[in-house]
Amino acid sequence: MATKPFSLPQIVIKEGKIHKNELQQLGRDDTWLMDQLTQKNEALNNVLLATLDEQGNLTISPYQ
Protein backbone atom coordinates (compact mmCIF):
# COMPACT_ATOMS: atom_id res chain seq x y z
CA MET A 1 0.00 0.00 0.00
CA ALA A 2 1.54 3.29 -1.10
CA THR A 3 1.40 6.29 1.18
CA LYS A 4 1.20 9.91 0.15
CA PRO A 5 3.97 12.26 1.25
CA PHE A 6 3.00 14.86 3.80
CA SER A 7 4.60 17.58 5.87
CA LEU A 8 4.00 18.39 9.49
CA PRO A 9 2.31 21.66 10.48
CA GLN A 10 4.66 24.49 11.38
CA ILE A 11 4.52 26.26 14.74
CA VAL A 12 3.55 29.90 14.09
CA ILE A 13 2.82 30.98 17.68
CA LYS A 14 4.42 29.59 20.81
CA GLU A 15 3.60 31.00 24.24
CA GLY A 16 2.13 34.19 22.75
CA LYS A 17 5.11 34.91 20.46
CA ILE A 18 4.79 34.90 16.66
CA HIS A 19 7.35 32.87 14.69
CA LYS A 20 7.67 35.09 11.60
CA ASN A 21 10.14 32.86 9.72
CA GLU A 22 7.74 29.92 9.73
CA LEU A 23 4.87 32.17 8.60
CA GLN A 24 6.96 33.46 5.69
CA GLN A 25 7.88 29.91 4.64
CA LEU A 26 4.16 29.17 4.37
CA GLY A 27 3.46 32.36 2.41
CA ARG A 28 1.74 34.23 5.25
CA ASP A 29 2.57 37.24 7.41
CA ASP A 30 1.77 38.48 10.89
CA THR A 31 -1.09 40.68 9.61
CA TRP A 32 -2.82 37.60 8.19
CA LEU A 33 -2.22 35.74 11.44
CA MET A 34 -3.65 38.53 13.59
CA ASP A 35 -6.72 38.66 11.34
CA GLN A 36 -7.19 34.91 11.84
CA LEU A 37 -6.92 35.30 15.62
CA THR A 38 -9.51 38.10 15.54
CA GLN A 39 -11.90 35.93 13.51
CA LYS A 40 -11.52 33.16 16.08
CA ASN A 41 -11.90 35.59 19.03
CA GLU A 42 -8.45 34.75 20.39
CA ALA A 43 -5.91 37.19 21.78
CA LEU A 44 -2.24 36.62 20.93
CA ASN A 45 -1.22 36.62 24.61
CA ASN A 46 -3.79 33.84 25.26
CA VAL A 47 -2.31 31.44 22.68
CA LEU A 48 -0.09 28.69 24.03
CA LEU A 49 0.52 27.11 20.62
CA ALA A 50 -0.72 27.66 17.09
CA THR A 51 0.23 25.64 14.04
CA LEU A 52 -0.31 26.18 10.34
CA ASP A 53 -0.24 23.45 7.71
CA GLU A 54 0.48 23.73 3.98
CA GLN A 55 -3.25 23.84 3.19
CA GLY A 56 -3.64 26.97 5.34
CA ASN A 57 -5.38 25.31 8.28
CA LEU A 58 -4.63 27.18 11.49
CA THR A 59 -4.94 25.20 14.72
CA ILE A 60 -4.93 27.17 17.98
CA SER A 61 -4.35 25.80 21.47
CA PRO A 62 -5.13 28.53 24.02
CA TYR A 63 -3.97 28.62 27.61
CA GLN A 64 -6.65 26.98 29.74
C-alpha atoms as a PDB file:
ATOM      1  CA  MET A   1       0.000   0.000   0.000  1.00  0.00           C
ATOM      2  CA  ALA A   2       1.538   3.293  -1.102  1.00  0.00           C
ATOM      3  CA  THR A   3       1.403   6.291   1.185  1.00  0.00           C
ATOM      4  CA  LYS A   4       1.200   9.911   0.150  1.00  0.00           C
ATOM      5  CA  PRO A   5       3.965  12.260   1.250  1.00  0.00           C
ATOM      6  CA  PHE A   6       3.002  14.858   3.805  1.00  0.00           C
ATOM      7  CA  SER A   7       4.602  17.584   5.867  1.00  0.00           C
ATOM      8  CA  LEU A   8       4.001  18.394   9.489  1.00  0.00           C
ATOM      9  CA  PRO A   9       2.307  21.657  10.476  1.00  0.00           C
ATOM     10  CA  GLN A  10       4.663  24.490  11.379  1.00  0.00           C
ATOM     11  CA  ILE A  11       4.522  26.263  14.742  1.00  0.00           C
ATOM     12  CA  VAL A  12       3.545  29.896  14.090  1.00  0.00           C
ATOM     13  CA  ILE A  13       2.822  30.977  17.677  1.00  0.00           C
ATOM     14  CA  LYS A  14       4.417  29.595  20.811  1.00  0.00           C
ATOM     15  CA  GLU A  15       3.595  31.003  24.242  1.00  0.00           C
ATOM     16  CA  GLY A  16       2.135  34.186  22.746  1.00  0.00           C
ATOM     17  CA  LYS A  17       5.108  34.912  20.457  1.00  0.00           C
ATOM     18  CA  ILE A  18       4.795  34.898  16.657  1.00  0.00           C
ATOM     19  CA  HIS A  19       7.351  32.872  14.688  1.00  0.00           C
ATOM     20  CA  LYS A  20       7.670  35.087  11.602  1.00  0.00           C
ATOM     21  CA  ASN A  21      10.141  32.860   9.720  1.00  0.00           C
ATOM     22  CA  GLU A  22       7.737  29.919   9.728  1.00  0.00           C
ATOM     23  CA  LEU A  23       4.868  32.172   8.600  1.00  0.00           C
ATOM     24  CA  GLN A  24       6.960  33.459   5.689  1.00  0.00           C
ATOM     25  CA  GLN A  25       7.881  29.905   4.643  1.00  0.00           C
ATOM     26  CA  LEU A  26       4.158  29.174   4.372  1.00  0.00           C
ATOM     27  CA  GLY A  27       3.461  32.361   2.410  1.00  0.00           C
ATOM     28  CA  ARG A  28       1.736  34.230   5.249  1.00  0.00           C
ATOM     29  CA  ASP A  29       2.569  37.242   7.415  1.00  0.00           C
ATOM     30  CA  ASP A  30       1.768  38.484  10.895  1.00  0.00           C
ATOM     31  CA  THR A  31      -1.088  40.680   9.612  1.00  0.00           C
ATOM     32  CA  TRP A  32      -2.819  37.600   8.190  1.00  0.00           C
ATOM     33  CA  LEU A  33      -2.220  35.736  11.443  1.00  0.00           C
ATOM     34  CA  MET A  34      -3.650  38.530  13.591  1.00  0.00           C
ATOM     35  CA  ASP A  35      -6.724  38.657  11.338  1.00  0.00           C
ATOM     36  CA  GLN A  36      -7.192  34.914  11.843  1.00  0.00           C
ATOM     37  CA  LEU A  37      -6.921  35.300  15.618  1.00  0.00           C
ATOM     38  CA  THR A  38      -9.511  38.096  15.536  1.00  0.00           C
ATOM     39  CA  GLN A  39     -11.900  35.927  13.506  1.00  0.00           C
ATOM     40  CA  LYS A  40     -11.524  33.157  16.084  1.00  0.00           C
ATOM     41  CA  ASN A  41     -11.904  35.588  19.027  1.00  0.00           C
ATOM     42  CA  GLU A  42      -8.453  34.751  20.387  1.00  0.00           C
ATOM     43  CA  ALA A  43      -5.905  37.187  21.779  1.00  0.00           C
ATOM     44  CA  LEU A  44      -2.240  36.617  20.935  1.00  0.00           C
ATOM     45  CA  ASN A  45      -1.225  36.619  24.610  1.00  0.00           C
ATOM     46  CA  ASN A  46      -3.788  33.840  25.257  1.00  0.00           C
ATOM     47  CA  VAL A  47      -2.307  31.438  22.676  1.00  0.00           C
ATOM     48  CA  LEU A  48      -0.091  28.695  24.033  1.00  0.00           C
ATOM     49  CA  LEU A  49       0.523  27.106  20.624  1.00  0.00           C
ATOM     50  CA  ALA A  50      -0.720  27.662  17.087  1.00  0.00           C
ATOM     51  CA  THR A  51       0.233  25.635  14.036  1.00  0.00           C
ATOM     52  CA  LEU A  52      -0.313  26.184  10.337  1.00  0.00           C
ATOM     53  CA  ASP A  53      -0.240  23.453   7.707  1.00  0.00           C
ATOM     54  CA  GLU A  54       0.480  23.733   3.977  1.00  0.00           C
ATOM     55  CA  GLN A  55      -3.252  23.844   3.187  1.00  0.00           C
ATOM     56  CA  GLY A  56      -3.641  26.973   5.336  1.00  0.00           C
ATOM     57  CA  ASN A  57      -5.375  25.305   8.276  1.00  0.00           C
ATOM     58  CA  LEU A  58      -4.634  27.177  11.493  1.00  0.00           C
ATOM     59  CA  THR A  59      -4.939  25.205  14.717  1.00  0.00           C
ATOM     60  CA  ILE A  60      -4.931  27.175  17.980  1.00  0.00           C
ATOM     61  CA  SER A  61      -4.350  25.802  21.474  1.00  0.00           C
ATOM     62  CA  PRO A  62      -5.135  28.532  24.024  1.00  0.00           C
ATOM     63  CA  TYR A  63      -3.966  28.619  27.610  1.00  0.00           C
ATOM     64  CA  GLN A  64      -6.654  26.978  29.742  1.00  0.00           C
END
